[in-house]
């Protein structure tokens, strides 16, 4: 359970930043060097290295250094566990909202019935 939570925490932390999500979108199209990514996102090389490192720790990105160039590509890790967690919580909240809708509908019916009985 702890490993599962740690993995979710690492993944969601990596995905919580707009730049890192943008990097993943970019890498979905093609591999890119850290230099190319830094230029595309208008940031320093050091800043981009930190973002890529976080994505790499989460298993979302793989880097390979050839000579002086470090190339990034999407990692092999899928997000099935994360998707399952999200789906579980989506179902929970959906059930809660359905129950709330039912309560509101009952209250509305009672209110209309009370309004009709007062008019008579």
C-alpha atoms as a PDB file:
ATOM      1  CA  UNK A   1       0.000   0.000   0.000  1.00  0.00           C
ATOM      2  CA  UNK A   2       2.785   2.458   0.867  1.00  0.00           C
ATOM      3  CA  UNK A   3       4.569   1.775  -2.433  1.00  0.00           C
ATOM      4  CA  UNK A   4       1.291   2.348  -4.269  1.00  0.00           C
ATOM      5  CA  UNK A   5       0.731   5.676  -2.489  1.00  0.00           C
ATOM      6  CA  UNK A   6       4.324   6.776  -3.071  1.00  0.00           C
ATOM      7  CA  UNK A   7       3.995   6.022  -6.770  1.00  0.00           C
ATOM      8  CA  UNK A   8       0.719   7.969  -7.012  1.00  0.00           C
ATOM      9  CA  UNK A   9       2.266  10.892  -5.108  1.00  0.00           C
ATOM     10  CA  UNK A  10       5.299  10.923  -7.407  1.00  0.00           C
ATOM     11  CA  UNK A  11       3.192  10.760 -10.566  1.00  0.00           C
ATOM     12  CA  UNK A  12       0.663  13.383  -9.526  1.00  0.00           C
ATOM     13  CA  UNK A  13       3.442  15.687  -8.295  1.00  0.00           C
ATOM     14  CA  UNK A  14       5.145  15.345 -11.675  1.00  0.00           C
ATOM     15  CA  UNK A  15       1.885  16.062 -13.503  1.00  0.00           C
ATOM     16  CA  UNK A  16       0.962  18.996 -11.268  1.00  0.00           C
ATOM     17  CA  UNK A  17       3.174  21.436 -13.156  1.00  0.00           C
ATOM     18  CA  UNK A  18       2.036  22.970 -16.438  1.00  0.00           C
ATOM     19  CA  UNK A  19       5.567  22.927 -17.885  1.00  0.00           C
ATOM     20  CA  UNK A  20       6.012  19.220 -17.167  1.00  0.00           C
ATOM     21  CA  UNK A  21       2.639  18.437 -18.728  1.00  0.00           C
ATOM     22  CA  UNK A  22       3.726  20.470 -21.749  1.00  0.00           C
ATOM     23  CA  UNK A  23       6.988  18.528 -21.956  1.00  0.00           C
ATOM     24  CA  UNK A  24       5.028  15.258 -21.974  1.00  0.00           C
ATOM     25  CA  UNK A  25       2.786  16.564 -24.753  1.00  0.00           C
ATOM     26  CA  UNK A  26       5.836  17.655 -26.725  1.00  0.00           C
ATOM     27  CA  UNK A  27       7.545  14.293 -26.276  1.00  0.00           C
ATOM     28  CA  UNK A  28       4.348  12.540 -27.356  1.00  0.00           C
ATOM     29  CA  UNK A  29       5.070  13.849 -30.836  1.00  0.00           C
ATOM     30  CA  UNK A  30       8.808  13.243 -30.994  1.00  0.00           C
ATOM     31  CA  UNK A  31      11.984  12.971 -28.971  1.00  0.00           C
ATOM     32  CA  UNK A  32      13.732  16.210 -28.037  1.00  0.00           C
ATOM     33  CA  UNK A  33      16.942  17.314 -26.394  1.00  0.00           C
ATOM     34  CA  UNK A  34      16.830  19.140 -23.089  1.00  0.00           C
ATOM     35  CA  UNK A  35      18.223  22.177 -24.912  1.00  0.00           C
ATOM     36  CA  UNK A  36      15.367  22.081 -27.443  1.00  0.00           C
ATOM     37  CA  UNK A  37      12.813  21.743 -24.640  1.00  0.00           C
ATOM     38  CA  UNK A  38      14.371  24.629 -22.695  1.00  0.00           C
ATOM     39  CA  UNK A  39      14.176  26.854 -25.770  1.00  0.00           C
ATOM     40  CA  UNK A  40      10.611  25.827 -26.567  1.00  0.00           C
ATOM     41  CA  UNK A  41       9.457  26.594 -23.019  1.00  0.00           C
ATOM     42  CA  UNK A  42      11.569  29.763 -22.717  1.00  0.00           C
ATOM     43  CA  UNK A  43      13.522  28.643 -19.673  1.00  0.00           C
ATOM     44  CA  UNK A  44      17.082  28.005 -18.614  1.00  0.00           C
ATOM     45  CA  UNK A  45      18.800  24.722 -19.275  1.00  0.00           C
ATOM     46  CA  UNK A  46      19.110  24.166 -15.513  1.00  0.00           C
ATOM     47  CA  UNK A  47      15.380  24.753 -15.011  1.00  0.00           C
ATOM     48  CA  UNK A  48      14.462  22.302 -17.761  1.00  0.00           C
ATOM     49  CA  UNK A  49      16.878  19.699 -16.378  1.00  0.00           C
ATOM     50  CA  UNK A  50      15.024  19.882 -13.048  1.00  0.00           C
ATOM     51  CA  UNK A  51      11.653  19.391 -14.741  1.00  0.00           C
ATOM     52  CA  UNK A  52      12.949  16.469 -16.793  1.00  0.00           C
ATOM     53  CA  UNK A  53      14.506  14.922 -13.676  1.00  0.00           C
ATOM     54  CA  UNK A  54      11.133  14.976 -11.890  1.00  0.00           C
ATOM     55  CA  UNK A  55       9.441  13.372 -14.911  1.00  0.00           C
ATOM     56  CA  UNK A  56      12.219  10.797 -15.074  1.00  0.00           C
ATOM     57  CA  UNK A  57      11.842   9.911 -11.377  1.00  0.00           C
ATOM     58  CA  UNK A  58       8.140   9.306 -12.003  1.00  0.00           C
ATOM     59  CA  UNK A  59       9.011   7.008 -14.917  1.00  0.00           C
ATOM     60  CA  UNK A  60       7.232   9.251 -17.405  1.00  0.00           C
ATOM     61  CA  UNK A  61      10.371  10.235 -19.318  1.00  0.00           C
ATOM     62  CA  UNK A  62      13.569   8.436 -20.273  1.00  0.00           C
ATOM     63  CA  UNK A  63      16.760  10.323 -21.096  1.00  0.00           C
ATOM     64  CA  UNK A  64      19.791   9.143 -22.988  1.00  0.00           C
ATOM     65  CA  UNK A  65      23.072  10.989 -23.273  1.00  0.00           C
ATOM     66  CA  UNK A  66      24.954  10.718 -26.532  1.00  0.00           C
ATOM     67  CA  UNK A  67      28.088  12.847 -26.513  1.00  0.00           C
ATOM     68  CA  UNK A  68      27.091  16.208 -25.074  1.00  0.00           C
ATOM     69  CA  UNK A  69      23.399  15.935 -25.966  1.00  0.00           C
ATOM     70  CA  UNK A  70      20.827  14.489 -23.562  1.00  0.00           C
ATOM     71  CA  UNK A  71      17.761  13.328 -25.491  1.00  0.00           C
ATOM     72  CA  UNK A  72      14.373  12.840 -23.845  1.00  0.00           C
ATOM     73  CA  UNK A  73      11.549  10.546 -24.873  1.00  0.00           C
ATOM     74  CA  UNK A  74       8.383   9.266 -23.245  1.00  0.00           C
ATOM     75  CA  UNK A  75       8.927   6.527 -20.689  1.00  0.00           C
ATOM     76  CA  UNK A  76       7.492   3.052 -21.040  1.00  0.00           C
ATOM     77  CA  UNK A  77       5.416   3.388 -17.896  1.00  0.00           C
ATOM     78  CA  UNK A  78       1.692   3.529 -18.392  1.00  0.00           C
ATOM     79  CA  UNK A  79      -0.645   5.359 -16.053  1.00  0.00           C
ATOM     80  CA  UNK A  80      -3.034   2.451 -15.388  1.00  0.00           C
ATOM     81  CA  UNK A  81      -2.769   2.617 -11.585  1.00  0.00           C
ATOM     82  CA  UNK A  82      -3.328   6.362 -11.633  1.00  0.00           C
ATOM     83  CA  UNK A  83      -6.281   6.003 -14.017  1.00  0.00           C
ATOM     84  CA  UNK A  84      -7.791   3.306 -11.761  1.00  0.00           C
ATOM     85  CA  UNK A  85      -7.412   5.585  -8.719  1.00  0.00           C
ATOM     86  CA  UNK A  86      -9.064   8.463 -10.561  1.00  0.00           C
ATOM     87  CA  UNK A  87     -11.904   6.206 -11.771  1.00  0.00           C
ATOM     88  CA  UNK A  88     -12.515   4.880  -8.253  1.00  0.00           C
ATOM     89  CA  UNK A  89     -12.830   8.405  -6.917  1.00  0.00           C
ATOM     90  CA  UNK A  90     -14.893   9.544  -9.892  1.00  0.00           C
ATOM     91  CA  UNK A  91     -17.404   6.779  -9.144  1.00  0.00           C
ATOM     92  CA  UNK A  92     -17.475   7.714  -5.459  1.00  0.00           C
ATOM     93  CA  UNK A  93     -18.156  11.384  -6.198  1.00  0.00           C
ATOM     94  CA  UNK A  94     -20.638  10.539  -8.919  1.00  0.00           C
ATOM     95  CA  UNK A  95     -22.633   8.439  -6.436  1.00  0.00           C
ATOM     96  CA  UNK A  96     -22.507  11.255  -3.888  1.00  0.00           C
ATOM     97  CA  UNK A  97     -23.699  13.827  -6.418  1.00  0.00           C
ATOM     98  CA  UNK A  98     -26.489  11.482  -7.546  1.00  0.00           C
ATOM     99  CA  UNK A  99     -27.620  11.167  -3.913  1.00  0.00           C
ATOM    100  CA  UNK A 100     -27.479  14.938  -3.519  1.00  0.00           C
ATOM    101  CA  UNK A 101     -29.557  15.387  -6.697  1.00  0.00           C
ATOM    102  CA  UNK A 102     -32.152  13.039  -5.239  1.00  0.00           C
ATOM    103  CA  UNK A 103     -32.324  15.041  -1.997  1.00  0.00           C
ATOM    104  CA  UNK A 104     -32.720  18.314  -3.916  1.00  0.00           C
ATOM    105  CA  UNK A 105     -35.475  16.815  -6.095  1.00  0.00           C
ATOM    106  CA  UNK A 106     -37.344  15.600  -2.990  1.00  0.00           C
ATOM    107  CA  UNK A 107     -37.041  19.017  -1.365  1.00  0.00           C
ATOM    108  CA  UNK A 108     -38.312  20.700  -4.547  1.00  0.00           C
ATOM    109  CA  UNK A 109     -41.311  18.338  -4.672  1.00  0.00           C
ATOM    110  CA  UNK A 110     -42.141  19.016  -1.014  1.00  0.00           C
ATOM    111  CA  UNK A 111     -41.793  22.758  -1.583  1.00  0.00           C
ATOM    112  CA  UNK A 112     -44.169  22.646  -4.570  1.00  0.00           C
ATOM    113  CA  UNK A 113     -46.648  20.501  -2.626  1.00  0.00           C
ATOM    114  CA  UNK A 114     -46.554  22.933   0.308  1.00  0.00           C
ATOM    115  CA  UNK A 115     -47.067  25.889  -2.045  1.00  0.00           C
ATOM    116  CA  UNK A 116     -50.116  24.172  -3.637  1.00  0.00           C
ATOM    117  CA  UNK A 117     -51.654  23.303  -0.278  1.00  0.00           C
ATOM    118  CA  UNK A 118     -51.255  26.909   0.950  1.00  0.00           C
ATOM    119  CA  UNK A 119     -53.084  28.248  -2.130  1.00  0.00           C
ATOM    120  CA  UNK A 120     -56.143  26.086  -1.476  1.00  0.00           C
END
